[in-house]
Amino acid sequence: MGYYKVFEGGIPREFGKLVNLVHMDLSLCELEGPIPPELGNLQSLNTIFIHINRLSSSIPKQLGNLTSLVNLDLSANLLSGEIPNELGNLNRLKLLNIFMNRLHGSIVTPCVPKTFNYWHV
């Protein structure tokens, strides 16, 4: 889904109903507003790329429900606040980019997967 598409406003909450979605790339889409917590319903997702937008507010803790997630890139937005502890539940995560935001805190993981090779906060 997506890539270089321009949406009016932000990520539609209805995207949380796309339960069979595997790859979401909404990078460079001029998105604004918060990341909808409903994205936490997308259990099949293995990739979320929504970098280089103007997303604001905090990272929803519901993203920690996405246990199939391998790649998460939220970099270069206007996100702020505490990094949710729930991101530590993403045991398959290999790529996490959250730089160029106004986030603080740390992510506690029960164990770091052997294949985890890039962590940029």
PDB file of N, CA and C in Angstrom:
ATOM      1  N   MET A   1       0.836  -1.167   0.000  1.00  0.00           N
ATOM      2  CA  MET A   1       0.000   0.000   0.000  1.00  0.00           C
ATOM      3  C   MET A   1       0.882   1.232   0.000  1.00  0.00           C
ATOM      4  N   GLY A   2       0.570   2.164  -0.828  1.00  0.00           N
ATOM      5  CA  GLY A   2       1.140   3.497  -0.752  1.00  0.00           C
ATOM      6  C   GLY A   2       2.470   3.679  -1.441  1.00  0.00           C
ATOM      7  N   TYR A   3       3.038   4.759  -1.180  1.00  0.00           N
ATOM      8  CA  TYR A   3       4.333   5.288  -1.546  1.00  0.00           C
ATOM      9  C   TYR A   3       4.138   6.465  -2.493  1.00  0.00           C
ATOM     10  N   TYR A   4       4.549   7.581  -2.026  1.00  0.00           N
ATOM     11  CA  TYR A   4       4.442   8.847  -2.753  1.00  0.00           C
ATOM     12  C   TYR A   4       3.002   9.220  -3.100  1.00  0.00           C
ATOM     13  N   LYS A   5       2.071   8.809  -2.311  1.00  0.00           N
ATOM     14  CA  LYS A   5       0.680   9.212  -2.507  1.00  0.00           C
ATOM     15  C   LYS A   5       0.393  10.357  -1.549  1.00  0.00           C
ATOM     16  N   VAL A   6      -0.341  11.321  -1.993  1.00  0.00           N
ATOM     17  CA  VAL A   6      -0.674  12.456  -1.135  1.00  0.00           C
ATOM     18  C   VAL A   6      -2.109  12.289  -0.653  1.00  0.00           C
ATOM     19  N   PHE A   7      -2.271  12.188   0.658  1.00  0.00           N
ATOM     20  CA  PHE A   7      -3.579  12.098   1.279  1.00  0.00           C
ATOM     21  C   PHE A   7      -3.899  13.440   1.902  1.00  0.00           C
ATOM     22  N   GLU A   8      -5.151  13.826   1.879  1.00  0.00           N
ATOM     23  CA  GLU A   8      -5.572  15.010   2.604  1.00  0.00           C
ATOM     24  C   GLU A   8      -5.585  14.663   4.084  1.00  0.00           C
ATOM     25  N   GLY A   9      -4.872  15.412   4.889  1.00  0.00           N
ATOM     26  CA  GLY A   9      -4.898  15.188   6.332  1.00  0.00           C
ATOM     27  C   GLY A   9      -3.982  14.075   6.766  1.00  0.00           C
ATOM     28  N   GLY A  10      -4.527  13.156   7.537  1.00  0.00           N
ATOM     29  CA  GLY A  10      -3.702  12.130   8.146  1.00  0.00           C
ATOM     30  C   GLY A  10      -4.031  10.729   7.666  1.00  0.00           C
ATOM     31  N   ILE A  11      -3.518   9.763   8.420  1.00  0.00           N
ATOM     32  CA  ILE A  11      -3.776   8.352   8.110  1.00  0.00           C
ATOM     33  C   ILE A  11      -5.212   8.061   8.525  1.00  0.00           C
ATOM     34  N   PRO A  12      -6.035   7.592   7.620  1.00  0.00           N
ATOM     35  CA  PRO A  12      -7.429   7.294   7.976  1.00  0.00           C
ATOM     36  C   PRO A  12      -7.516   6.175   9.025  1.00  0.00           C
ATOM     37  N   ARG A  13      -8.357   6.369  10.027  1.00  0.00           N
ATOM     38  CA  ARG A  13      -8.571   5.342  11.055  1.00  0.00           C
ATOM     39  C   ARG A  13      -9.073   4.033  10.430  1.00  0.00           C
ATOM     40  N   GLU A  14      -9.762   4.153   9.317  1.00  0.00           N
ATOM     41  CA  GLU A  14     -10.302   2.971   8.637  1.00  0.00           C
ATOM     42  C   GLU A  14      -9.213   2.016   8.167  1.00  0.00           C
ATOM     43  N   PHE A  15      -7.984   2.495   8.031  1.00  0.00           N
ATOM     44  CA  PHE A  15      -6.889   1.603   7.656  1.00  0.00           C
ATOM     45  C   PHE A  15      -6.723   0.489   8.686  1.00  0.00           C
ATOM     46  N   GLY A  16      -7.179   0.724   9.905  1.00  0.00           N
ATOM     47  CA  GLY A  16      -7.115  -0.292  10.955  1.00  0.00           C
ATOM     48  C   GLY A  16      -8.001  -1.493  10.687  1.00  0.00           C
ATOM     49  N   LYS A  17      -8.853  -1.418   9.665  1.00  0.00           N
ATOM     50  CA  LYS A  17      -9.733  -2.534   9.289  1.00  0.00           C
ATOM     51  C   LYS A  17      -9.138  -3.400   8.182  1.00  0.00           C
ATOM     52  N   LEU A  18      -7.974  -3.025   7.670  1.00  0.00           N
ATOM     53  CA  LEU A  18      -7.326  -3.773   6.584  1.00  0.00           C
ATOM     54  C   LEU A  18      -6.518  -4.930   7.173  1.00  0.00           C
ATOM     55  N   VAL A  19      -7.210  -5.882   7.776  1.00  0.00           N
ATOM     56  CA  VAL A  19      -6.564  -6.902   8.601  1.00  0.00           C
ATOM     57  C   VAL A  19      -5.644  -7.845   7.828  1.00  0.00           C
ATOM     58  N   ASN A  20      -5.755  -7.900   6.512  1.00  0.00           N
ATOM     59  CA  ASN A  20      -4.876  -8.769   5.729  1.00  0.00           C
ATOM     60  C   ASN A  20      -3.675  -8.021   5.147  1.00  0.00           C
ATOM     61  N   LEU A  21      -3.553  -6.753   5.475  1.00  0.00           N
ATOM     62  CA  LEU A  21      -2.451  -5.946   4.955  1.00  0.00           C
ATOM     63  C   LEU A  21      -1.120  -6.422   5.524  1.00  0.00           C
ATOM     64  N   VAL A  22      -0.124  -6.578   4.661  1.00  0.00           N
ATOM     65  CA  VAL A  22       1.188  -7.070   5.070  1.00  0.00           C
ATOM     66  C   VAL A  22       2.232  -5.960   5.045  1.00  0.00           C
ATOM     67  N   HIS A  23       2.144  -5.053   4.091  1.00  0.00           N
ATOM     68  CA  HIS A  23       3.166  -4.018   3.904  1.00  0.00           C
ATOM     69  C   HIS A  23       2.469  -2.663   3.756  1.00  0.00           C
ATOM     70  N   MET A  24       2.832  -1.723   4.603  1.00  0.00           N
ATOM     71  CA  MET A  24       2.269  -0.372   4.525  1.00  0.00           C
ATOM     72  C   MET A  24       3.419   0.614   4.334  1.00  0.00           C
ATOM     73  N   ASP A  25       3.430   1.286   3.203  1.00  0.00           N
ATOM     74  CA  ASP A  25       4.431   2.307   2.938  1.00  0.00           C
ATOM     75  C   ASP A  25       3.711   3.605   2.598  1.00  0.00           C
ATOM     76  N   LEU A  26       3.676   4.499   3.559  1.00  0.00           N
ATOM     77  CA  LEU A  26       3.048   5.805   3.390  1.00  0.00           C
ATOM     78  C   LEU A  26       4.105   6.901   3.545  1.00  0.00           C
ATOM     79  N   SER A  27       5.311   6.600   3.147  1.00  0.00           N
ATOM     80  CA  SER A  27       6.412   7.564   3.218  1.00  0.00           C
ATOM     81  C   SER A  27       6.177   8.686   2.221  1.00  0.00           C
ATOM     82  N   LEU A  28       6.599   9.875   2.584  1.00  0.00           N
ATOM     83  CA  LEU A  28       6.533  11.025   1.687  1.00  0.00           C
ATOM     84  C   LEU A  28       5.129  11.285   1.157  1.00  0.00           C
ATOM     85  N   CYS A  29       4.133  11.122   2.009  1.00  0.00           N
ATOM     86  CA  CYS A  29       2.741  11.312   1.592  1.00  0.00           C
ATOM     87  C   CYS A  29       2.140  12.608   2.134  1.00  0.00           C
ATOM     88  N   GLU A  30       2.957  13.436   2.744  1.00  0.00           N
ATOM     89  CA  GLU A  30       2.491  14.705   3.308  1.00  0.00           C
ATOM     90  C   GLU A  30       1.394  14.505   4.355  1.00  0.00           C
ATOM     91  N   LEU A  31       1.520  13.419   5.129  1.00  0.00           N
ATOM     92  CA  LEU A  31       0.539  13.111   6.163  1.00  0.00           C
ATOM     93  C   LEU A  31       0.733  14.008   7.375  1.00  0.00           C
ATOM     94  N   GLU A  32      -0.371  14.371   8.007  1.00  0.00           N
ATOM     95  CA  GLU A  32      -0.350  15.180   9.224  1.00  0.00           C
ATOM     96  C   GLU A  32      -1.211  14.508  10.273  1.00  0.00           C
ATOM     97  N   GLY A  33      -1.057  14.940  11.520  1.00  0.00           N
ATOM     98  CA  GLY A  33      -1.885  14.428  12.601  1.00  0.00           C
ATOM     99  C   GLY A  33      -1.278  13.210  13.255  1.00  0.00           C
ATOM    100  N   PRO A  34      -2.058  12.570  14.130  1.00  0.00           N
ATOM    101  CA  PRO A  34      -1.537  11.423  14.884  1.00  0.00           C
ATOM    102  C   PRO A  34      -1.540  10.133  14.071  1.00  0.00           C
ATOM    103  N   ILE A  35      -0.764   9.167  14.551  1.00  0.00           N
ATOM    104  CA  ILE A  35      -0.821   7.803  14.027  1.00  0.00           C
ATOM    105  C   ILE A  35      -2.033   7.152  14.695  1.00  0.00           C
ATOM    106  N   PRO A  36      -2.996   6.672  13.921  1.00  0.00           N
ATOM    107  CA  PRO A  36      -4.193   6.098  14.548  1.00  0.00           C
ATOM    108  C   PRO A  36      -3.861   4.831  15.347  1.00  0.00           C
ATOM    109  N   PRO A  37      -4.354   4.738  16.580  1.00  0.00           N
ATOM    110  CA  PRO A  37      -4.111   3.521  17.363  1.00  0.00           C
ATOM    111  C   PRO A  37      -4.706   2.281  16.717  1.00  0.00           C
ATOM    112  N   GLU A  38      -5.684   2.464  15.825  1.00  0.00           N
ATOM    113  CA  GLU A  38      -6.313   1.332  15.136  1.00  0.00           C
ATOM    114  C   GLU A  38      -5.329   0.539  14.291  1.00  0.00           C
ATOM    115  N   LEU A  39      -4.187   1.130  13.945  1.00  0.00           N
ATOM    116  CA  LEU A  39      -3.176   0.370  13.193  1.00  0.00           C
ATOM    117  C   LEU A  39      -2.680  -0.823  14.004  1.00  0.00           C
ATOM    118  N   GLY A  40      -2.844  -0.771  15.308  1.00  0.00           N
ATOM    119  CA  GLY A  40      -2.468  -1.886  16.173  1.00  0.00           C
ATOM    120  C   GLY A  40      -3.308  -3.131  15.962  1.00  0.00           C
ATOM    121  N   ASN A  41      -4.386  -3.025  15.175  1.00  0.00           N
ATOM    122  CA  ASN A  41      -5.237  -4.177  14.856  1.00  0.00           C
ATOM    123  C   ASN A  41      -4.705  -4.998  13.684  1.00  0.00           C
ATOM    124  N   LEU A  42      -3.699  -4.503  12.989  1.00  0.00           N
ATOM    125  CA  LEU A  42      -3.234  -5.124  11.745  1.00  0.00           C
ATOM    126  C   LEU A  42      -2.181  -6.190  12.035  1.00  0.00           C
ATOM    127  N   GLN A  43      -2.640  -7.310  12.556  1.00  0.00           N
ATOM    128  CA  GLN A  43      -1.750  -8.379  13.012  1.00  0.00           C
ATOM    129  C   GLN A  43      -0.902  -9.002  11.913  1.00  0.00           C
ATOM    130  N   SER A  44      -1.278  -8.842  10.646  1.00  0.00           N
ATOM    131  CA  SER A  44      -0.514  -9.427   9.544  1.00  0.00           C
ATOM    132  C   SER A  44       0.623  -8.531   9.068  1.00  0.00           C
ATOM    133  N   LEU A  45       0.650  -7.292   9.525  1.00  0.00           N
ATOM    134  CA  LEU A  45       1.667  -6.350   9.040  1.00  0.00           C
ATOM    135  C   LEU A  45       3.071  -6.800   9.414  1.00  0.00           C
ATOM    136  N   ASN A  46       3.963  -6.790   8.439  1.00  0.00           N
ATOM    137  CA  ASN A  46       5.370  -7.024   8.754  1.00  0.00           C
ATOM    138  C   ASN A  46       6.209  -5.773   8.506  1.00  0.00           C
ATOM    139  N   THR A  47       5.654  -4.782   7.813  1.00  0.00           N
ATOM    140  CA  THR A  47       6.396  -3.560   7.505  1.00  0.00           C
ATOM    141  C   THR A  47       5.483  -2.342   7.615  1.00  0.00           C
ATOM    142  N   ILE A  48       5.956  -1.340   8.338  1.00  0.00           N
ATOM    143  CA  ILE A  48       5.310  -0.028   8.352  1.00  0.00           C
ATOM    144  C   ILE A  48       6.393   1.004   8.058  1.00  0.00           C
ATOM    145  N   PHE A  49       6.268   1.665   6.939  1.00  0.00           N
ATOM    146  CA  PHE A  49       7.129   2.789   6.594  1.00  0.00           C
ATOM    147  C   PHE A  49       6.232   4.019   6.494  1.00  0.00           C
ATOM    148  N   ILE A  50       6.324   4.910   7.451  1.00  0.00           N
ATOM    149  CA  ILE A  50       5.574   6.166   7.377  1.00  0.00           C
ATOM    150  C   ILE A  50       6.511   7.323   7.731  1.00  0.00           C
ATOM    151  N   HIS A  51       7.731   7.226   7.234  1.00  0.00           N
ATOM    152  CA  HIS A  51       8.729   8.253   7.492  1.00  0.00           C
ATOM    153  C   HIS A  51       8.569   9.429   6.512  1.00  0.00           C
ATOM    154  N   ILE A  52       9.187  10.520   6.894  1.00  0.00           N
ATOM    155  CA  ILE A  52       9.216  11.764   6.112  1.00  0.00           C
ATOM    156  C   ILE A  52       7.797  12.261   5.818  1.00  0.00           C
ATOM    157  N   ASN A  53       7.080  12.535   6.885  1.00  0.00           N
ATOM    158  CA  ASN A  53       5.756  13.140   6.834  1.00  0.00           C
ATOM    159  C   ASN A  53       5.730  14.234   7.903  1.00  0.00           C
ATOM    160  N   ARG A  54       4.555  14.626   8.297  1.00  0.00           N
ATOM    161  CA  ARG A  54       4.398  15.607   9.385  1.00  0.00           C
ATOM    162  C   ARG A  54       3.467  15.047  10.456  1.00  0.00           C
ATOM    163  N   LEU A  55       3.647  13.754  10.755  1.00  0.00           N
ATOM    164  CA  LEU A  55       2.830  13.127  11.779  1.00  0.00           C
ATOM    165  C   LEU A  55       3.218  13.685  13.145  1.00  0.00           C
ATOM    166  N   SER A  56       2.208  13.914  13.972  1.00  0.00           N
ATOM    167  CA  SER A  56       2.455  14.520  15.277  1.00  0.00           C
ATOM    168  C   SER A  56       1.818  13.664  16.372  1.00  0.00           C
ATOM    169  N   SER A  57       1.910  14.137  17.579  1.00  0.00           N
ATOM    170  CA  SER A  57       1.419  13.456  18.769  1.00  0.00           C
ATOM    171  C   SER A  57       2.439  12.391  19.171  1.00  0.00           C
ATOM    172  N   SER A  58       1.990  11.346  19.827  1.00  0.00           N
ATOM    173  CA  SER A  58       2.905  10.315  20.321  1.00  0.00           C
ATOM    174  C   SER A  58       2.756   9.041  19.483  1.00  0.00           C
ATOM    175  N   ILE A  59       3.666   8.102  19.717  1.00  0.00           N
ATOM    176  CA  ILE A  59       3.558   6.784  19.088  1.00  0.00           C
ATOM    177  C   ILE A  59       2.511   6.007  19.873  1.00  0.00           C
ATOM    178  N   PRO A  60       1.472   5.514  19.216  1.00  0.00           N
ATOM    179  CA  PRO A  60       0.449   4.773  19.966  1.00  0.00           C
ATOM    180  C   PRO A  60       0.999   3.456  20.515  1.00  0.00           C
ATOM    181  N   LYS A  61       0.688   3.176  21.772  1.00  0.00           N
ATOM    182  CA  LYS A  61       1.173   1.940  22.399  1.00  0.00           C
ATOM    183  C   LYS A  61       0.625   0.701  21.698  1.00  0.00           C
ATOM    184  N   GLN A  62      -0.482   0.851  20.974  1.00  0.00           N
ATOM    185  CA  GLN A  62      -1.099  -0.276  20.275  1.00  0.00           C
ATOM    186  C   GLN A  62      -0.195  -0.849  19.192  1.00  0.00           C
ATOM    187  N   LEU A  63       0.802  -0.089  18.725  1.00  0.00           N
ATOM    188  CA  LEU A  63       1.741  -0.640  17.745  1.00  0.00           C
ATOM    189  C   LEU A  63       2.522  -1.808  18.337  1.00  0.00           C
ATOM    190  N   GLY A  64       2.583  -1.881  19.648  1.00  0.00           N
ATOM    191  CA  GLY A  64       3.229  -3.014  20.317  1.00  0.00           C
ATOM    192  C   GLY A  64       2.475  -4.322  20.148  1.00  0.00           C
ATOM    193  N   ASN A  65       1.237  -4.268  19.633  1.00  0.00           N
ATOM    194  CA  ASN A  65       0.445  -5.481  19.366  1.00  0.00           C
ATOM    195  C   ASN A  65       0.845  -6.156  18.065  1.00  0.00           C
ATOM    196  N   LEU A  66       1.651  -5.507  17.252  1.00  0.00           N
ATOM    197  CA  LEU A  66       1.974  -6.002  15.908  1.00  0.00           C
ATOM    198  C   LEU A  66       3.143  -6.975  15.972  1.00  0.00           C
ATOM    199  N   THR A  67       2.885  -8.154  16.479  1.00  0.00           N
ATOM    200  CA  THR A  67       3.956  -9.114  16.750  1.00  0.00           C
ATOM    201  C   THR A  67       4.592  -9.696  15.493  1.00  0.00           C
ATOM    202  N   SER A  68       4.005  -9.479  14.321  1.00  0.00           N
ATOM    203  CA  SER A  68       4.612  -9.923  13.065  1.00  0.00           C
ATOM    204  C   SER A  68       5.522  -8.861  12.459  1.00  0.00           C
ATOM    205  N   LEU A  69       5.580  -7.692  13.093  1.00  0.00           N
ATOM    206  CA  LEU A  69       6.306  -6.561  12.521  1.00  0.00           C
ATOM    207  C   LEU A  69       7.813  -6.811  12.493  1.00  0.00           C
ATOM    208  N   VAL A  70       8.410  -6.611  11.327  1.00  0.00           N
ATOM    209  CA  VAL A  70       9.853  -6.767  11.129  1.00  0.00           C
ATOM    210  C   VAL A  70      10.503  -5.408  10.918  1.00  0.00           C
ATOM    211  N   ASN A  71       9.810  -4.495  10.222  1.00  0.00           N
ATOM    212  CA  ASN A  71      10.356  -3.175   9.890  1.00  0.00           C
ATOM    213  C   ASN A  71       9.393  -2.082  10.341  1.00  0.00           C
ATOM    214  N   LEU A  72       9.910  -1.122  11.099  1.00  0.00           N
ATOM    215  CA  LEU A  72       9.107   0.012  11.543  1.00  0.00           C
ATOM    216  C   LEU A  72       9.941   1.274  11.378  1.00  0.00           C
ATOM    217  N   ASP A  73       9.510   2.146  10.481  1.00  0.00           N
ATOM    218  CA  ASP A  73      10.219   3.408  10.245  1.00  0.00           C
ATOM    219  C   ASP A  73       9.239   4.556  10.413  1.00  0.00           C
ATOM    220  N   LEU A  74       9.421   5.294  11.499  1.00  0.00           N
ATOM    221  CA  LEU A  74       8.610   6.473  11.810  1.00  0.00           C
ATOM    222  C   LEU A  74       9.473   7.726  11.794  1.00  0.00           C
ATOM    223  N   SER A  75      10.636   7.656  11.211  1.00  0.00           N
ATOM    224  CA  SER A  75      11.605   8.751  11.274  1.00  0.00           C
ATOM    225  C   SER A  75      11.135   9.982  10.506  1.00  0.00           C
ATOM    226  N   ALA A  76      11.734  11.119  10.852  1.00  0.00           N
ATOM    227  CA  ALA A  76      11.519  12.394  10.165  1.00  0.00           C
ATOM    228  C   ALA A  76      10.043  12.803  10.154  1.00  0.00           C
ATOM    229  N   ASN A  77       9.459  12.817  11.336  1.00  0.00           N
ATOM    230  CA  ASN A  77       8.106  13.309  11.544  1.00  0.00           C
ATOM    231  C   ASN A  77       8.160  14.332  12.673  1.00  0.00           C
ATOM    232  N   LEU A  78       7.035  14.620  13.267  1.00  0.00           N
ATOM    233  CA  LEU A  78       6.952  15.553  14.395  1.00  0.00           C
ATOM    234  C   LEU A  78       6.431  14.839  15.635  1.00  0.00           C
ATOM    235  N   LEU A  79       6.749  13.562  15.758  1.00  0.00           N
ATOM    236  CA  LEU A  79       6.286  12.777  16.898  1.00  0.00           C
ATOM    237  C   LEU A  79       6.988  13.235  18.164  1.00  0.00           C
ATOM    238  N   SER A  80       6.280  13.168  19.286  1.00  0.00           N
ATOM    239  CA  SER A  80       6.857  13.629  20.552  1.00  0.00           C
ATOM    240  C   SER A  80       6.363  12.745  21.689  1.00  0.00           C
ATOM    241  N   GLY A  81       6.996  12.911  22.829  1.00  0.00           N
ATOM    242  CA  GLY A  81       6.589  12.178  24.026  1.00  0.00           C
ATOM    243  C   GLY A  81       7.444  10.964  24.288  1.00  0.00           C
ATOM    244  N   GLU A  82       6.956  10.146  25.189  1.00  0.00           N
ATOM    245  CA  GLU A  82       7.648   8.942  25.643  1.00  0.00           C
ATOM    246  C   GLU A  82       7.534   7.838  24.594  1.00  0.00           C
ATOM    247  N   ILE A  83       8.625   7.135  24.375  1.00  0.00           N
ATOM    248  CA  ILE A  83       8.593   5.948  23.515  1.00  0.00           C
ATOM    249  C   ILE A  83       7.826   4.875  24.287  1.00  0.00           C
ATOM    250  N   PRO A  84       6.755   4.327  23.711  1.00  0.00           N
ATOM    251  CA  PRO A  84       5.952   3.356  24.478  1.00  0.00           C
ATOM    252  C   PRO A  84       6.721   2.073  24.782  1.00  0.00           C
ATOM    253  N   ASN A  85       6.613   1.628  26.028  1.00  0.00           N
ATOM    254  CA  ASN A  85       7.256   0.372  26.437  1.00  0.00           C
ATOM    255  C   ASN A  85       6.765  -0.806  25.619  1.00  0.00           C
ATOM    256  N   GLU A  86       5.555  -0.709  25.119  1.00  0.00           N
ATOM    257  CA  GLU A  86       4.959  -1.810  24.359  1.00  0.00           C
ATOM    258  C   GLU A  86       5.742  -2.154  23.100  1.00  0.00           C
ATOM    259  N   LEU A  87       6.558  -1.232  22.601  1.00  0.00           N
ATOM    260  CA  LEU A  87       7.391  -1.555  21.435  1.00  0.00           C
ATOM    261  C   LEU A  87       8.379  -2.673  21.754  1.00  0.00           C
ATOM    262  N   GLY A  88       8.632  -2.894  23.030  1.00  0.00           N
ATOM    263  CA  GLY A  88       9.487  -4.009  23.449  1.00  0.00           C
ATOM    264  C   GLY A  88       8.877  -5.367  23.161  1.00  0.00           C
ATOM    265  N   ASN A  89       7.575  -5.408  22.848  1.00  0.00           N
ATOM    266  CA  ASN A  89       6.898  -6.668  22.518  1.00  0.00           C
ATOM    267  C   ASN A  89       7.158  -7.114  21.081  1.00  0.00           C
ATOM    268  N   LEU A  90       7.796  -6.275  20.297  1.00  0.00           N
ATOM    269  CA  LEU A  90       8.001  -6.563  18.872  1.00  0.00           C
ATOM    270  C   LEU A  90       9.236  -7.451  18.700  1.00  0.00           C
ATOM    271  N   ASN A  91       9.079  -8.724  19.014  1.00  0.00           N
ATOM    272  CA  ASN A  91      10.203  -9.666  19.045  1.00  0.00           C
ATOM    273  C   ASN A  91      10.821  -9.957  17.689  1.00  0.00           C
ATOM    274  N   ARG A  92      10.079  -9.743  16.613  1.00  0.00           N
ATOM    275  CA  ARG A  92      10.612 -10.018  15.270  1.00  0.00           C
ATOM    276  C   ARG A  92      11.254  -8.793  14.632  1.00  0.00           C
ATOM    277  N   LEU A  93      11.205  -7.686  15.322  1.00  0.00           N
ATOM    278  CA  LEU A  93      11.669  -6.421  14.756  1.00  0.00           C
ATOM    279  C   LEU A  93      13.158  -6.472  14.419  1.00  0.00           C
ATOM    280  N   LYS A  94      13.495  -6.122  13.184  1.00  0.00           N
ATOM    281  CA  LYS A  94      14.881  -6.038  12.737  1.00  0.00           C
ATOM    282  C   LYS A  94      15.282  -4.601  12.470  1.00  0.00           C
ATOM    283  N   LEU A  95      14.326  -3.771  12.076  1.00  0.00           N
ATOM    284  CA  LEU A  95      14.609  -2.374  11.742  1.00  0.00           C
ATOM    285  C   LEU A  95      13.664  -1.471  12.521  1.00  0.00           C
ATOM    286  N   LEU A  96      14.225  -0.576  13.296  1.00  0.00           N
ATOM    287  CA  LEU A  96      13.448   0.439  13.991  1.00  0.00           C
ATOM    288  C   LEU A  96      14.128   1.771  13.762  1.00  0.00           C
ATOM    289  N   ASN A  97      13.457   2.663  13.064  1.00  0.00           N
ATOM    290  CA  ASN A  97      13.950   4.024  12.861  1.00  0.00           C
ATOM    291  C   ASN A  97      12.920   4.979  13.435  1.00  0.00           C
ATOM    292  N   ILE A  98      13.331   5.728  14.448  1.00  0.00           N
ATOM    293  CA  ILE A  98      12.443   6.738  15.034  1.00  0.00           C
ATOM    294  C   ILE A  98      13.190   8.055  15.221  1.00  0.00           C
ATOM    295  N   PHE A  99      14.302   8.202  14.528  1.00  0.00           N
ATOM    296  CA  PHE A  99      15.092   9.421  14.670  1.00  0.00           C
ATOM    297  C   PHE A  99      14.404  10.594  13.973  1.00  0.00           C
ATOM    298  N   MET A 100      14.901  11.783  14.241  1.00  0.00           N
ATOM    299  CA  MET A 100      14.350  13.040  13.717  1.00  0.00           C
ATOM    300  C   MET A 100      12.889  13.235  14.148  1.00  0.00           C
ATOM    301  N   ASN A 101      12.642  12.986  15.424  1.00  0.00           N
ATOM    302  CA  ASN A 101      11.384  13.257  16.096  1.00  0.00           C
ATOM    303  C   ASN A 101      11.751  13.876  17.445  1.00  0.00           C
ATOM    304  N   ARG A 102      10.776  14.103  18.268  1.00  0.00           N
ATOM    305  CA  ARG A 102      11.016  14.649  19.609  1.00  0.00           C
ATOM    306  C   ARG A 102      10.595  13.632  20.653  1.00  0.00           C
ATOM    307  N   LEU A 103      11.172  12.453  20.566  1.00  0.00           N
ATOM    308  CA  LEU A 103      10.834  11.352  21.453  1.00  0.00           C
ATOM    309  C   LEU A 103      11.886  11.197  22.537  1.00  0.00           C
ATOM    310  N   HIS A 104      11.480  10.626  23.657  1.00  0.00           N
ATOM    311  CA  HIS A 104      12.434  10.340  24.725  1.00  0.00           C
ATOM    312  C   HIS A 104      12.062   9.024  25.394  1.00  0.00           C
ATOM    313  N   GLY A 105      13.006   8.493  26.140  1.00  0.00           N
ATOM    314  CA  GLY A 105      12.801   7.225  26.831  1.00  0.00           C
ATOM    315  C   GLY A 105      13.603   6.123  26.178  1.00  0.00           C
ATOM    316  N   SER A 106      13.362   4.927  26.649  1.00  0.00           N
ATOM    317  CA  SER A 106      14.069   3.767  26.109  1.00  0.00           C
ATOM    318  C   SER A 106      13.066   2.640  25.905  1.00  0.00           C
ATOM    319  N   ILE A 107      13.514   1.633  25.199  1.00  0.00           N
ATOM    320  CA  ILE A 107      12.668   0.481  24.906  1.00  0.00           C
ATOM    321  C   ILE A 107      13.261  -0.716  25.627  1.00  0.00           C
ATOM    322  N   VAL A 108      12.460  -1.317  26.472  1.00  0.00           N
ATOM    323  CA  VAL A 108      12.897  -2.489  27.220  1.00  0.00           C
ATOM    324  C   VAL A 108      12.396  -3.720  26.484  1.00  0.00           C
ATOM    325  N   THR A 109      13.319  -4.604  26.143  1.00  0.00           N
ATOM    326  CA  THR A 109      12.940  -5.838  25.468  1.00  0.00           C
ATOM    327  C   THR A 109      13.332  -7.013  26.343  1.00  0.00           C
ATOM    328  N   PRO A 110      12.498  -8.054  26.394  1.00  0.00           N
ATOM    329  CA  PRO A 110      12.838  -9.228  27.179  1.00  0.00           C
ATOM    330  C   PRO A 110      14.106  -9.904  26.666  1.00  0.00           C
ATOM    331  N   CYS A 111      14.276  -9.920  25.360  1.00  0.00           N
ATOM    332  CA  CYS A 111      15.497 -10.439  24.754  1.00  0.00           C
ATOM    333  C   CYS A 111      15.588  -9.832  23.372  1.00  0.00           C
ATOM    334  N   VAL A 112      16.783  -9.503  22.968  1.00  0.00           N
ATOM    335  CA  VAL A 112      16.986  -8.924  21.644  1.00  0.00           C
ATOM    336  C   VAL A 112      17.220 -10.060  20.665  1.00  0.00           C
ATOM    337  N   PRO A 113      16.416 -10.139  19.610  1.00  0.00           N
ATOM    338  CA  PRO A 113      16.586 -11.233  18.637  1.00  0.00           C
ATOM    339  C   PRO A 113      17.978 -11.220  18.006  1.00  0.00           C
ATOM    340  N   LYS A 114      18.483 -12.397  17.685  1.00  0.00           N
ATOM    341  CA  LYS A 114      19.793 -12.525  17.065  1.00  0.00           C
ATOM    342  C   LYS A 114      19.876 -11.776  15.735  1.00  0.00           C
ATOM    343  N   THR A 115      18.772 -11.716  15.023  1.00  0.00           N
ATOM    344  CA  THR A 115      18.783 -11.115  13.701  1.00  0.00           C
ATOM    345  C   THR A 115      18.594  -9.601  13.740  1.00  0.00           C
ATOM    346  N   PHE A 116      18.451  -9.049  14.915  1.00  0.00           N
ATOM    347  CA  PHE A 116      18.232  -7.612  15.050  1.00  0.00           C
ATOM    348  C   PHE A 116      19.512  -6.885  14.679  1.00  0.00           C
ATOM    349  N   ASN A 117      19.485  -6.099  13.589  1.00  0.00           N
ATOM    350  CA  ASN A 117      20.740  -5.537  13.120  1.00  0.00           C
ATOM    351  C   ASN A 117      20.741  -4.022  12.969  1.00  0.00           C
ATOM    352  N   TYR A 118      19.643  -3.348  13.281  1.00  0.00           N
ATOM    353  CA  TYR A 118      19.672  -1.894  13.141  1.00  0.00           C
ATOM    354  C   TYR A 118      18.682  -1.287  14.105  1.00  0.00           C
ATOM    355  N   TRP A 119      19.157  -0.431  14.945  1.00  0.00           N
ATOM    356  CA  TRP A 119      18.332   0.213  15.959  1.00  0.00           C
ATOM    357  C   TRP A 119      18.766   1.647  16.031  1.00  0.00           C
ATOM    358  N   HIS A 120      17.984   2.531  15.490  1.00  0.00           N
ATOM    359  CA  HIS A 120      18.383   3.925  15.442  1.00  0.00           C
ATOM    360  C   HIS A 120      17.303   4.773  16.103  1.00  0.00           C
ATOM    361  N   VAL A 121      17.618   5.292  17.260  1.00  0.00           N
ATOM    362  CA  VAL A 121      16.673   6.130  18.007  1.00  0.00           C
ATOM    363  C   VAL A 121      17.135   7.566  17.955  1.00  0.00           C
TER     364      VAL A 121
END
